[in-house]
């Protein structure tokens, strides 16, 4: 098994736009304030080669875990 890729979580000045369908997945699981806080976090996705909101990263099948401000990703 290959070593997971570690990516730092970074804070955004403005909340990221997240598609309504993605937000519906979190309703009932996370509070509104937690969702609003997570909208302000992003990661440099090693698969898409661009910055993506954390909530989008969290729903990715390659997401493994988040520990102390770092995302562990299976990679591609």
N, C-alpha and C. Protein backbone atom coordinates (compact mmCIF):
# COMPACT_ATOMS: atom_id res chain seq x y z
N UNK A 1 0.85 -1.19 0.00
CA UNK A 1 0.00 0.00 0.00
C UNK A 1 0.89 1.24 0.00
N UNK A 2 0.51 2.25 -0.77
CA UNK A 2 1.31 3.46 -0.87
C UNK A 2 1.04 4.38 0.32
N UNK A 3 2.00 5.23 0.58
CA UNK A 3 1.90 6.21 1.66
C UNK A 3 0.87 7.28 1.30
N UNK A 4 -0.03 7.65 2.22
CA UNK A 4 -1.01 8.70 1.90
C UNK A 4 -0.33 10.06 1.75
N UNK A 5 -0.93 10.90 0.93
CA UNK A 5 -0.44 12.25 0.70
C UNK A 5 -0.97 13.13 1.82
N UNK A 6 -0.09 13.97 2.39
CA UNK A 6 -0.50 14.88 3.46
C UNK A 6 -0.60 16.28 2.88
N UNK A 7 -1.74 16.94 3.11
CA UNK A 7 -1.99 18.28 2.58
C UNK A 7 -2.44 19.17 3.72
N UNK A 8 -1.85 20.37 3.82
CA UNK A 8 -2.21 21.32 4.87
C UNK A 8 -3.56 21.97 4.56
N UNK A 9 -4.35 22.20 5.62
CA UNK A 9 -5.60 22.94 5.50
C UNK A 9 -5.26 24.42 5.63
N UNK A 10 -5.82 25.25 4.75
CA UNK A 10 -5.57 26.69 4.85
C UNK A 10 -6.88 27.43 5.02
N UNK A 11 -6.79 28.58 5.65
CA UNK A 11 -7.97 29.41 5.91
C UNK A 11 -8.16 30.39 4.76
N UNK A 12 -9.43 30.60 4.40
CA UNK A 12 -9.78 31.56 3.35
C UNK A 12 -10.33 32.83 4.00
N UNK A 13 -10.16 33.95 3.33
CA UNK A 13 -10.71 35.20 3.84
C UNK A 13 -12.23 35.22 3.69
N UNK A 14 -12.71 34.75 2.55
CA UNK A 14 -14.15 34.70 2.29
C UNK A 14 -14.58 33.24 2.19
N UNK A 15 -15.81 32.93 2.62
CA UNK A 15 -16.29 31.55 2.51
C UNK A 15 -16.34 31.09 1.05
N UNK A 16 -15.97 29.84 0.82
CA UNK A 16 -16.00 29.27 -0.53
C UNK A 16 -17.43 28.95 -0.94
N UNK A 17 -17.68 29.02 -2.23
CA UNK A 17 -19.00 28.63 -2.75
C UNK A 17 -19.02 27.12 -2.90
N UNK A 18 -20.04 26.52 -2.32
CA UNK A 18 -20.17 25.07 -2.35
C UNK A 18 -21.53 24.75 -2.94
N UNK A 19 -21.60 23.83 -3.90
CA UNK A 19 -22.88 23.48 -4.51
C UNK A 19 -23.91 23.03 -3.47
N UNK A 20 -25.14 23.41 -3.70
CA UNK A 20 -26.24 23.11 -2.77
C UNK A 20 -26.35 21.61 -2.49
N UNK A 21 -26.10 20.78 -3.51
CA UNK A 21 -26.21 19.33 -3.33
C UNK A 21 -25.21 18.83 -2.28
N UNK A 22 -23.99 19.40 -2.30
CA UNK A 22 -22.98 19.01 -1.32
C UNK A 22 -23.40 19.43 0.08
N UNK A 23 -23.97 20.64 0.19
CA UNK A 23 -24.39 21.12 1.51
C UNK A 23 -25.53 20.29 2.08
N UNK A 24 -26.40 19.78 1.22
CA UNK A 24 -27.52 18.95 1.68
C UNK A 24 -27.02 17.68 2.35
N UNK A 25 -25.85 17.18 1.91
CA UNK A 25 -25.29 15.96 2.51
C UNK A 25 -24.94 16.16 3.98
N UNK A 26 -24.61 17.40 4.37
CA UNK A 26 -24.16 17.67 5.73
C UNK A 26 -25.28 18.10 6.67
N UNK A 27 -26.44 18.46 6.14
CA UNK A 27 -27.54 18.90 7.00
C UNK A 27 -27.99 17.74 7.87
N UNK A 28 -28.16 18.03 9.16
CA UNK A 28 -28.54 17.00 10.10
C UNK A 28 -27.34 16.29 10.71
N UNK A 29 -26.19 16.37 10.05
CA UNK A 29 -24.96 15.76 10.57
C UNK A 29 -24.13 16.83 11.28
N UNK A 30 -23.97 17.98 10.63
CA UNK A 30 -23.19 19.08 11.19
C UNK A 30 -24.10 20.27 11.47
N UNK A 31 -23.76 21.05 12.47
CA UNK A 31 -24.54 22.25 12.77
C UNK A 31 -24.27 23.32 11.72
N UNK A 32 -25.14 24.28 11.65
CA UNK A 32 -24.99 25.38 10.68
C UNK A 32 -23.70 26.15 10.94
N UNK A 33 -23.36 26.39 12.20
CA UNK A 33 -22.15 27.14 12.52
C UNK A 33 -20.90 26.36 12.12
N UNK A 34 -20.93 25.05 12.27
CA UNK A 34 -19.78 24.22 11.86
C UNK A 34 -19.64 24.24 10.34
N UNK A 35 -20.73 24.15 9.62
CA UNK A 35 -20.69 24.23 8.16
C UNK A 35 -20.12 25.57 7.72
N UNK A 36 -20.57 26.66 8.36
CA UNK A 36 -20.07 27.99 8.01
C UNK A 36 -18.57 28.11 8.29
N UNK A 37 -18.10 27.50 9.36
CA UNK A 37 -16.67 27.53 9.67
C UNK A 37 -15.88 26.73 8.64
N UNK A 38 -16.39 25.56 8.26
CA UNK A 38 -15.68 24.71 7.31
C UNK A 38 -15.68 25.29 5.90
N UNK A 39 -16.64 26.17 5.59
CA UNK A 39 -16.65 26.83 4.28
C UNK A 39 -15.44 27.75 4.12
N UNK A 40 -14.85 28.17 5.24
CA UNK A 40 -13.70 29.07 5.20
C UNK A 40 -12.37 28.32 5.14
N UNK A 41 -12.43 27.00 5.01
CA UNK A 41 -11.22 26.20 4.93
C UNK A 41 -11.10 25.56 3.56
N UNK A 42 -9.85 25.45 3.09
CA UNK A 42 -9.60 24.88 1.77
C UNK A 42 -8.29 24.10 1.79
N UNK A 43 -8.11 23.27 0.77
CA UNK A 43 -6.87 22.50 0.60
C UNK A 43 -6.44 22.56 -0.86
N UNK A 44 -5.15 22.39 -1.09
CA UNK A 44 -4.63 22.29 -2.46
C UNK A 44 -4.72 20.83 -2.86
N UNK A 45 -5.75 20.49 -3.62
CA UNK A 45 -6.04 19.11 -3.97
C UNK A 45 -4.94 18.53 -4.87
N UNK A 46 -4.33 17.40 -4.46
CA UNK A 46 -3.29 16.79 -5.30
C UNK A 46 -3.86 16.12 -6.55
N UNK A 47 -5.15 15.81 -6.56
CA UNK A 47 -5.76 15.17 -7.73
C UNK A 47 -6.21 16.18 -8.77
N UNK A 48 -6.89 17.25 -8.32
CA UNK A 48 -7.41 18.26 -9.24
C UNK A 48 -6.38 19.33 -9.57
N UNK A 49 -5.28 19.37 -8.80
CA UNK A 49 -4.22 20.37 -9.00
C UNK A 49 -4.75 21.79 -8.85
N UNK A 50 -5.69 21.99 -7.92
CA UNK A 50 -6.23 23.32 -7.64
C UNK A 50 -6.73 23.36 -6.21
N UNK A 51 -7.05 24.56 -5.73
CA UNK A 51 -7.57 24.72 -4.39
C UNK A 51 -9.05 24.38 -4.38
N UNK A 52 -9.46 23.52 -3.44
CA UNK A 52 -10.87 23.14 -3.32
C UNK A 52 -11.31 23.35 -1.87
N UNK A 53 -12.58 23.68 -1.65
CA UNK A 53 -13.09 23.83 -0.29
C UNK A 53 -12.97 22.50 0.47
N UNK A 54 -12.76 22.60 1.79
CA UNK A 54 -12.60 21.39 2.58
C UNK A 54 -13.83 20.50 2.50
N UNK A 55 -15.03 21.07 2.50
CA UNK A 55 -16.24 20.24 2.46
C UNK A 55 -16.30 19.40 1.18
N UNK A 56 -15.77 19.93 0.09
CA UNK A 56 -15.72 19.17 -1.16
C UNK A 56 -14.67 18.06 -1.05
N UNK A 57 -13.56 18.36 -0.42
CA UNK A 57 -12.51 17.37 -0.20
C UNK A 57 -13.02 16.24 0.71
N UNK A 58 -13.76 16.60 1.73
CA UNK A 58 -14.27 15.63 2.71
C UNK A 58 -15.18 14.59 2.06
N UNK A 59 -15.91 14.97 1.02
CA UNK A 59 -16.83 14.04 0.36
C UNK A 59 -16.14 13.23 -0.74
N UNK A 60 -14.88 13.51 -1.01
CA UNK A 60 -14.12 12.79 -2.04
C UNK A 60 -13.82 11.36 -1.56
N UNK A 61 -13.82 10.42 -2.48
CA UNK A 61 -13.55 9.02 -2.12
C UNK A 61 -12.10 8.80 -1.72
N UNK A 62 -11.19 9.72 -2.06
CA UNK A 62 -9.78 9.58 -1.70
C UNK A 62 -9.45 10.17 -0.33
N UNK A 63 -10.40 10.84 0.30
CA UNK A 63 -10.20 11.41 1.64
C UNK A 63 -10.07 10.27 2.65
N UNK A 64 -9.01 10.32 3.46
CA UNK A 64 -8.82 9.31 4.49
C UNK A 64 -9.17 9.84 5.87
N UNK A 65 -8.51 10.95 6.27
CA UNK A 65 -8.75 11.51 7.59
C UNK A 65 -8.19 12.93 7.65
N UNK A 66 -8.57 13.63 8.72
CA UNK A 66 -8.04 14.96 8.98
C UNK A 66 -7.49 14.94 10.40
N UNK A 67 -6.22 15.28 10.55
CA UNK A 67 -5.57 15.29 11.85
C UNK A 67 -4.74 16.55 12.00
N UNK A 68 -5.03 17.34 13.02
CA UNK A 68 -4.24 18.53 13.37
C UNK A 68 -3.96 19.44 12.18
N UNK A 69 -4.99 19.79 11.44
CA UNK A 69 -4.83 20.72 10.34
C UNK A 69 -4.23 20.13 9.07
N UNK A 70 -4.18 18.83 8.97
CA UNK A 70 -3.68 18.18 7.77
C UNK A 70 -4.69 17.15 7.27
N UNK A 71 -4.80 17.06 5.95
CA UNK A 71 -5.65 16.09 5.30
C UNK A 71 -4.76 14.94 4.81
N UNK A 72 -5.21 13.73 5.02
CA UNK A 72 -4.54 12.57 4.46
C UNK A 72 -5.37 12.07 3.29
N UNK A 73 -4.74 12.01 2.12
CA UNK A 73 -5.42 11.68 0.87
C UNK A 73 -4.77 10.45 0.27
N UNK A 74 -5.59 9.56 -0.30
CA UNK A 74 -5.04 8.37 -0.97
C UNK A 74 -4.23 8.75 -2.20
N UNK A 75 -4.57 9.86 -2.81
CA UNK A 75 -3.88 10.28 -4.03
C UNK A 75 -4.50 9.58 -5.23
N UNK A 76 -3.84 9.66 -6.34
CA UNK A 76 -4.46 9.12 -7.52
C UNK A 76 -3.57 8.20 -8.23
